[in-house]
Structures are given as C-alpha cells and as structure tokens.
Amino acid sequence: IILFDNNGIGTNATPVEYHVPEMYYSSTRNYDYALITVEQDLSDYMQFDLGTVLNYSPSHDNAVTNTGFPGVIQKSDGTFTTVNNESIHNMYSSTGSITGINDRYFCHTVDTSHGDSGSPVYYTETINGQTYYTVVGIHVRGDTNPFDDIEENEATRITTELIRFYNQNPHIN
C-alpha cells in the first residue's frame, strides 16, 4: 500500500504480521480489531499512546479526532468526492465529540465515511508546547441512528483488555 500524507508524499507500507484476538473468530463485532505490523517506520504520520474513555461526564463533550483514509469526503459546496481507492490512500482528520458510552463502545460526532473503519479515535492534548495523542477508541461504523438529526458514529472503546493485547505483542517497541 502507498500512503500519502497531506503534502502528497508517499510511503510504502508492507504488512509482515497480523495479530487478531482469538475471540474474533467466535464473536460478533465485539473483537473486530487487529494489530498489523509493517516493515516501514510510519512514525512520521503520527504517534499514539493508548488510553481509556472515562465513564463519567468529563469524557462527554470532550473533543476527539479520527484520522484515517476515507473513501469519500464532503467538499465545501456540499457535494461528495471520492478521495481514496485501491491505489491512492490520502489521510484525513476530523474532530467531533463523544455523545454516549457503554461497556464496549462509545458514540461520537466525528465526520467519517467508508474507509475510516479501523482508524483511531483519539484525544489531543498539548503540554508545554508538546502535543500528545491518546487513542481511546477504534472507529467501527457510521451513523448509528439515522432517524435523528445528529450523526453519531460508533467506536470500540480501548479497554484494559485491548491495552494488554497491544502491550503483550513482542513486536511493539
């Protein structure tokens, strides 16, 4: 895959290993995530820590961002255009807020589209001029309630179980 950053600079990414939770094969969508190891250093794109969404009110209405490779984006005139396909992968980010939380998922208002599934939903915090990104979810699906006026998307929460899955991987340094 060739990934293009916002400056049009491309990086080849060659997957070498896939780590999928064992429960994925016997579950519905609850374990729909994986850890993919690539040969290349992709740290120029972004570097993330892992964290959790709080169950109480301060997590609500906090800004969260999704960065991924959507298939379609909405232009300023309201029309939609295809931006990514099988050979072109442009990275886009959008920010919204968390609107609801349950045991395994949270809803958010970040503008997403097909192709963003699997991408990180994260908090951004700047301390003493240094910006930190903390992933709190994995985007899994778009508008979960098409009958209201709020577009709510859904993300799998980063839980202690997911943090263990990540930290126990011998290929992460």
Protein backbone atom coordinates (compact mmCIF):
# COMPACT_ATOMS: atom_id res chain seq x y z
CA ILE A 1 0.00 0.00 0.00
CA ILE A 2 1.20 3.52 -0.69
CA LEU A 3 0.09 6.00 1.97
CA PHE A 4 0.12 9.70 1.07
CA ASP A 5 0.40 12.39 3.74
CA ASN A 6 -1.22 15.82 3.43
CA ASN A 7 1.82 17.09 1.49
CA GLY A 8 1.45 14.41 -1.19
CA ILE A 9 4.50 12.47 -0.03
CA GLY A 10 4.01 8.73 -0.36
CA THR A 11 5.27 5.93 1.88
CA ASN A 12 5.10 2.24 1.01
CA ALA A 13 3.72 0.09 3.82
CA THR A 14 4.31 -3.64 3.65
CA PRO A 15 2.41 -5.72 6.24
CA VAL A 16 4.52 -8.55 7.67
CA GLU A 17 2.35 -9.84 10.54
CA TYR A 18 -1.26 -9.71 11.64
CA HIS A 19 -2.38 -10.23 15.24
CA VAL A 20 -6.09 -10.90 15.68
CA PRO A 21 -7.75 -11.64 19.05
CA GLU A 22 -8.80 -15.28 19.39
CA MET A 23 -12.31 -14.16 20.37
CA TYR A 24 -12.75 -12.53 16.93
CA TYR A 25 -13.48 -15.93 15.39
CA SER A 26 -16.23 -16.83 17.86
CA SER A 27 -17.77 -13.41 18.42
CA THR A 28 -19.79 -10.85 16.54
CA ARG A 29 -18.31 -7.37 16.23
CA ASN A 30 -17.02 -7.19 19.82
CA TYR A 31 -13.46 -8.18 18.86
CA ASP A 32 -13.27 -6.62 15.40
CA TYR A 33 -9.76 -5.19 15.63
CA ALA A 34 -6.24 -6.31 14.85
CA LEU A 35 -2.65 -5.23 15.21
CA ILE A 36 -0.81 -5.08 11.90
CA THR A 37 2.99 -4.92 11.91
CA VAL A 38 4.66 -3.32 8.89
CA GLU A 39 8.32 -3.22 7.82
CA GLN A 40 8.43 0.55 7.48
CA ASP A 41 8.65 3.22 10.17
CA LEU A 42 5.35 5.13 9.97
CA SER A 43 6.04 7.37 12.97
CA ASP A 44 6.19 10.45 10.71
CA TYR A 45 2.43 10.07 10.23
CA MET A 46 1.51 10.17 13.93
CA GLN A 47 2.50 8.52 17.18
CA PHE A 48 -0.18 7.49 19.66
CA ASP A 49 -0.47 6.40 23.25
CA LEU A 50 -3.36 4.20 24.40
CA GLY A 51 -5.88 5.37 26.99
CA THR A 52 -9.46 4.84 28.05
CA VAL A 53 -12.65 6.88 27.88
CA LEU A 54 -13.97 7.75 31.30
CA ASN A 55 -17.45 6.50 32.22
CA TYR A 56 -18.46 9.75 33.82
CA SER A 57 -19.42 13.14 32.45
CA PRO A 58 -16.00 14.78 31.84
CA SER A 59 -15.49 12.41 28.88
CA HIS A 60 -18.69 13.66 27.26
CA ASP A 61 -18.35 16.69 25.02
CA ASN A 62 -14.54 16.46 25.03
CA ALA A 63 -13.12 16.84 21.55
CA VAL A 64 -11.99 13.64 19.88
CA THR A 65 -10.42 13.27 16.45
CA ASN A 66 -10.47 10.49 13.88
CA THR A 67 -7.59 10.19 11.40
CA GLY A 68 -7.94 7.69 8.62
CA PHE A 69 -8.16 7.04 4.93
CA PRO A 70 -11.83 7.57 3.97
CA GLY A 71 -13.17 6.61 0.58
CA VAL A 72 -15.31 9.73 0.19
CA ILE A 73 -15.23 13.25 1.66
CA GLN A 74 -17.73 16.10 1.55
CA LYS A 75 -16.47 19.22 -0.22
CA SER A 76 -17.20 22.77 0.95
CA ASP A 77 -20.03 23.09 -1.59
CA GLY A 78 -21.85 20.12 -0.01
CA THR A 79 -21.08 17.63 -2.79
CA PHE A 80 -19.13 14.44 -2.22
CA THR A 81 -15.99 13.30 -3.98
CA THR A 82 -14.01 10.06 -3.97
CA VAL A 83 -10.56 10.63 -2.47
CA ASN A 84 -9.17 7.15 -1.90
CA ASN A 85 -9.29 3.97 -3.91
CA GLU A 86 -7.28 0.74 -4.19
CA SER A 87 -4.05 2.54 -5.10
CA ILE A 88 -4.39 6.04 -3.58
CA HIS A 89 -4.60 6.48 0.19
CA ASN A 90 -4.82 10.10 1.35
CA MET A 91 -5.00 10.72 5.09
CA TYR A 92 -7.74 12.96 6.53
CA SER A 93 -8.66 14.06 10.06
CA SER A 94 -11.91 15.32 11.53
CA THR A 95 -12.91 16.35 15.05
CA GLY A 96 -16.17 15.91 16.99
CA SER A 97 -17.25 14.91 20.47
CA ILE A 98 -18.25 11.82 22.45
CA THR A 99 -22.03 11.63 22.87
CA GLY A 100 -22.56 8.35 24.72
CA ILE A 101 -20.65 5.48 26.31
CA ASN A 102 -21.44 1.85 27.08
CA ASP A 103 -19.30 -1.15 28.12
CA ARG A 104 -17.63 -1.87 24.77
CA TYR A 105 -18.37 1.17 22.58
CA PHE A 106 -18.86 4.90 22.55
CA CYS A 107 -20.72 7.14 20.11
CA HIS A 108 -19.07 10.21 18.60
CA THR A 109 -19.92 13.00 16.16
CA VAL A 110 -16.65 12.94 14.20
CA ASP A 111 -17.24 13.22 10.44
CA THR A 112 -16.29 9.81 9.00
CA SER A 113 -17.02 7.76 5.88
CA HIS A 114 -16.39 4.32 4.41
CA GLY A 115 -12.70 3.53 4.67
CA ASP A 116 -12.31 5.09 8.13
CA SER A 117 -13.17 1.81 9.85
CA GLY A 118 -10.25 0.63 11.95
CA SER A 119 -8.78 4.10 12.32
CA PRO A 120 -8.02 5.67 15.71
CA VAL A 121 -10.37 7.96 17.64
CA TYR A 122 -8.19 9.99 19.98
CA TYR A 123 -7.80 12.90 22.36
CA THR A 124 -5.22 15.59 21.61
CA GLU A 125 -3.51 17.45 24.44
CA THR A 126 -0.69 20.00 24.30
CA ILE A 127 1.50 20.38 27.37
CA ASN A 128 4.46 22.80 27.39
CA GLY A 129 4.39 23.03 23.60
CA GLN A 130 4.46 19.24 23.10
CA THR A 131 1.36 17.64 21.55
CA TYR A 132 0.26 14.20 22.73
CA TYR A 133 -2.25 11.90 21.04
CA THR A 134 -4.07 9.28 23.11
CA VAL A 135 -6.20 6.71 21.30
CA VAL A 136 -9.39 5.92 23.22
CA GLY A 137 -11.28 4.03 20.50
CA ILE A 138 -11.25 2.32 17.12
CA HIS A 139 -13.81 3.65 14.63
CA VAL A 140 -16.15 0.82 13.58
CA ARG A 141 -19.28 2.24 11.94
CA GLY A 142 -21.04 5.35 10.71
CA ASP A 143 -24.36 6.93 11.68
CA THR A 144 -25.80 4.56 14.29
CA ASN A 145 -29.18 6.31 14.47
CA PRO A 146 -30.28 7.59 11.05
CA PHE A 147 -33.66 8.70 12.45
CA ASP A 148 -32.36 11.67 14.44
CA ASP A 149 -30.67 14.91 13.38
CA ILE A 150 -27.32 14.04 14.98
CA GLU A 151 -24.90 11.90 13.03
CA GLU A 152 -23.46 9.54 15.61
CA ASN A 153 -20.70 7.13 14.78
CA GLU A 154 -19.50 4.24 16.88
CA ALA A 155 -16.04 3.29 18.15
CA THR A 156 -14.80 0.26 20.05
CA ARG A 157 -13.51 1.51 23.40
CA ILE A 158 -9.88 0.96 24.29
CA THR A 159 -10.20 -1.21 27.39
CA THR A 160 -7.62 -2.78 29.67
CA GLU A 161 -8.14 -5.97 27.65
CA LEU A 162 -7.17 -4.14 24.45
CA ILE A 163 -4.20 -2.46 26.12
CA ARG A 164 -2.96 -5.91 27.24
CA PHE A 165 -3.46 -7.26 23.68
CA TYR A 166 -1.26 -4.44 22.39
CA ASN A 167 1.38 -4.42 25.16
CA GLN A 168 1.85 -8.19 25.13
CA ASN A 169 2.80 -8.12 21.46
CA PRO A 170 6.56 -8.84 21.23
CA HIS A 171 6.90 -6.74 18.05
CA ILE A 172 5.98 -3.43 19.68
CA ASN A 173 8.88 -1.38 20.97
